[in-house]
C-alpha atoms as a PDB file:
ATOM      1  CA  MET A   1      -2.934 -13.077   5.474  1.00  0.00           C
ATOM      2  CA  ALA A   2      -4.865 -11.161   3.373  1.00  0.00           C
ATOM      3  CA  ARG A   3      -3.871  -7.423   1.891  1.00  0.00           C
ATOM      4  CA  VAL A   4      -5.721  -4.627   2.208  1.00  0.00           C
ATOM      5  CA  GLU A   5      -5.766  -2.183  -1.029  1.00  0.00           C
ATOM      6  CA  LEU A   6      -5.680   1.710  -1.045  1.00  0.00           C
ATOM      7  CA  ASN A   7      -9.148   3.248  -1.541  1.00  0.00           C
ATOM      8  CA  LYS A   8     -10.941   0.048  -1.003  1.00  0.00           C
ATOM      9  CA  PRO A   9     -13.137  -0.994   1.921  1.00  0.00           C
ATOM     10  CA  ALA A  10     -11.679  -2.355   4.726  1.00  0.00           C
ATOM     11  CA  PRO A  11     -12.894  -6.218   4.830  1.00  0.00           C
ATOM     12  CA  ASP A  12     -15.110  -6.838   7.955  1.00  0.00           C
ATOM     13  CA  PHE A  13     -13.375  -8.319  10.971  1.00  0.00           C
ATOM     14  CA  SER A  14     -14.406  -8.980  14.733  1.00  0.00           C
ATOM     15  CA  LEU A  15     -12.133  -8.416  17.988  1.00  0.00           C
ATOM     16  CA  PRO A  16     -13.161  -8.399  21.575  1.00  0.00           C
ATOM     17  CA  ASP A  17     -13.375  -4.985  23.370  1.00  0.00           C
ATOM     18  CA  PHE A  18     -11.926  -4.132  26.543  1.00  0.00           C
ATOM     19  CA  ASN A  19     -14.787  -6.197  28.118  1.00  0.00           C
ATOM     20  CA  GLY A  20     -14.390  -9.114  26.172  1.00  0.00           C
ATOM     21  CA  ARG A  21     -17.496  -8.579  24.058  1.00  0.00           C
ATOM     22  CA  ASN A  22     -16.863  -9.178  20.264  1.00  0.00           C
ATOM     23  CA  VAL A  23     -17.143  -5.998  18.211  1.00  0.00           C
ATOM     24  CA  SER A  24     -16.970  -6.273  14.618  1.00  0.00           C
ATOM     25  CA  LEU A  25     -16.244  -3.378  11.619  1.00  0.00           C
ATOM     26  CA  SER A  26     -19.529  -3.959  10.273  1.00  0.00           C
ATOM     27  CA  ASP A  27     -21.353  -2.544  13.597  1.00  0.00           C
ATOM     28  CA  PHE A  28     -19.987   0.777  12.295  1.00  0.00           C
ATOM     29  CA  ALA A  29     -21.491   0.643   8.832  1.00  0.00           C
ATOM     30  CA  GLY A  30     -22.667   3.856   7.483  1.00  0.00           C
ATOM     31  CA  GLN A  31     -20.761   6.137  10.251  1.00  0.00           C
ATOM     32  CA  LYS A  32     -19.038   8.129   8.863  1.00  0.00           C
ATOM     33  CA  ASN A  33     -15.456   7.542  10.974  1.00  0.00           C
ATOM     34  CA  VAL A  34     -14.171   4.375  12.505  1.00  0.00           C
ATOM     35  CA  LEU A  35     -10.560   4.919  14.862  1.00  0.00           C
ATOM     36  CA  ILE A  36      -8.660   1.458  15.117  1.00  0.00           C
ATOM     37  CA  VAL A  37      -6.431   1.126  17.970  1.00  0.00           C
ATOM     38  CA  PHE A  38      -3.944  -1.853  18.209  1.00  0.00           C
ATOM     39  CA  ASN A  39      -2.317  -1.974  21.624  1.00  0.00           C
ATOM     40  CA  ARG A  40       1.002  -3.330  21.772  1.00  0.00           C
ATOM     41  CA  GLY A  41       1.251  -3.429  25.251  1.00  0.00           C
ATOM     42  CA  PHE A  42       2.513  -1.521  28.161  1.00  0.00           C
ATOM     43  CA  ILE A  43       6.123  -0.417  28.919  1.00  0.00           C
END
């Protein structure tokens, strides 16, 4: 697994959204903020 360094751009990656469509970090390039949430499941 690659390490992410502080104060460096995040590497591009893709994950499926809740509808199953792939979304890439690069889809949000040029926008001010990106929020990434990793759901670990429901309790």
